[in-house]
Protein backbone atom coordinates (compact mmCIF):
# COMPACT_ATOMS: atom_id res chain seq x y z
CA UNK A 1 -14.12 -33.67 80.68
CA UNK A 2 -14.67 -29.90 80.92
CA UNK A 3 -18.11 -28.63 81.70
CA UNK A 4 -19.81 -26.57 79.05
CA UNK A 5 -20.19 -22.85 79.59
CA UNK A 6 -23.76 -21.97 80.61
CA UNK A 7 -25.23 -18.70 79.32
CA UNK A 8 -28.62 -17.49 80.52
CA UNK A 9 -30.61 -15.39 78.02
CA UNK A 10 -32.59 -12.36 79.16
CA UNK A 11 -35.82 -14.27 78.50
CA UNK A 12 -34.75 -17.08 80.81
CA UNK A 13 -33.63 -14.65 83.52
CA UNK A 14 -36.99 -12.86 83.39
CA UNK A 15 -38.84 -16.18 83.56
CA UNK A 16 -36.78 -17.20 86.61
CA UNK A 17 -37.55 -13.87 88.26
CA UNK A 18 -41.29 -14.37 87.66
CA UNK A 19 -41.13 -17.89 89.11
CA UNK A 20 -39.26 -16.60 92.15
CA UNK A 21 -41.80 -13.81 92.75
CA UNK A 22 -44.69 -16.28 92.41
CA UNK A 23 -43.28 -18.56 95.10
CA UNK A 24 -42.13 -15.66 97.28
CA UNK A 25 -45.79 -14.73 97.89
CA UNK A 26 -46.17 -18.05 99.69
CA UNK A 27 -42.72 -18.57 101.19
CA UNK A 28 -39.37 -16.85 100.82
CA UNK A 29 -37.58 -20.11 101.63
CA UNK A 30 -39.70 -21.96 99.06
CA UNK A 31 -38.85 -19.32 96.46
CA UNK A 32 -35.14 -19.65 97.26
CA UNK A 33 -35.33 -23.45 97.00
CA UNK A 34 -37.03 -23.40 93.58
CA UNK A 35 -34.62 -20.75 92.30
CA UNK A 36 -31.62 -22.75 93.49
CA UNK A 37 -32.88 -25.97 91.87
CA UNK A 38 -33.48 -24.23 88.55
CA UNK A 39 -30.11 -22.45 88.60
CA UNK A 40 -28.22 -25.63 89.49
CA UNK A 41 -29.86 -27.98 87.00
CA UNK A 42 -27.97 -26.77 83.88
CA UNK A 43 -24.70 -27.30 85.76
CA UNK A 44 -25.30 -31.03 85.32
CA UNK A 45 -24.91 -30.78 81.53
CA UNK A 46 -21.67 -32.42 80.45
CA UNK A 47 -22.46 -32.74 76.75
CA UNK A 48 -24.95 -30.79 74.65
CA UNK A 49 -27.21 -33.69 73.71
CA UNK A 50 -27.42 -35.08 77.24
CA UNK A 51 -31.09 -34.24 77.78
CA UNK A 52 -34.15 -34.99 75.67
CA UNK A 53 -35.34 -32.98 72.73
CA UNK A 54 -38.47 -31.12 73.74
CA UNK A 55 -41.54 -32.91 72.41
CA UNK A 56 -43.48 -29.71 71.69
CA UNK A 57 -40.73 -27.50 70.31
CA UNK A 58 -37.96 -29.77 68.95
CA UNK A 59 -35.46 -26.98 68.34
CA UNK A 60 -34.77 -27.12 72.11
CA UNK A 61 -33.55 -29.70 74.55
CA UNK A 62 -35.11 -29.70 77.98
CA UNK A 63 -34.36 -30.30 81.62
CA UNK A 64 -37.40 -30.77 83.85
CA UNK A 65 -37.25 -29.34 87.36
CA UNK A 66 -40.39 -29.60 89.46
CA UNK A 67 -43.13 -28.19 87.21
CA UNK A 68 -40.78 -26.35 84.86
CA UNK A 69 -38.99 -27.08 81.61
CA UNK A 70 -35.63 -25.42 81.20
CA UNK A 71 -35.19 -25.07 77.46
CA UNK A 72 -31.69 -24.88 76.03
CA UNK A 73 -29.69 -25.01 72.82
CA UNK A 74 -26.01 -25.58 72.16
CA UNK A 75 -24.06 -23.08 70.10
CA UNK A 76 -20.31 -22.73 69.66
CA UNK A 77 -19.48 -25.04 72.55
CA UNK A 78 -21.77 -23.28 75.04
CA UNK A 79 -25.21 -24.02 76.43
CA UNK A 80 -27.71 -21.19 76.07
CA UNK A 81 -30.63 -21.36 78.50
CA UNK A 82 -33.36 -19.93 76.31
CA UNK A 83 -36.43 -19.98 78.53
CA UNK A 84 -38.15 -21.60 81.49
CA UNK A 85 -41.77 -22.62 81.01
CA UNK A 86 -44.32 -24.13 83.34
CA UNK A 87 -45.39 -27.62 82.33
CA UNK A 88 -48.90 -26.89 83.58
CA UNK A 89 -49.66 -24.32 80.89
CA UNK A 90 -50.98 -24.95 77.42
CA UNK A 91 -48.46 -26.64 75.10
CA UNK A 92 -49.41 -24.09 72.43
CA UNK A 93 -47.40 -21.48 74.34
CA UNK A 94 -44.23 -23.45 73.65
CA UNK A 95 -44.85 -23.37 69.91
CA UNK A 96 -44.55 -19.59 70.04
CA UNK A 97 -41.08 -19.70 71.62
């Protein structure tokens, strides 16, 4: 079975950058570890409906890594990583995505 192509949107890349910078203030190694975990998690997707539909915004599926939801959709045989959101923030923020 071929892995699906993973495409990161600009919004998701910016969110990852913000997460990295947040952790970098405390520890460069910690920031690298979180970044690596987030970047590697979509690589585990073998079929589009593998992970749960997000309970707050059901147009997305989600992968949870640490305190973050990686939100994705499938289009034309590819996985689009749409955004990364902190699970500690208000759920209302997800409704706006």
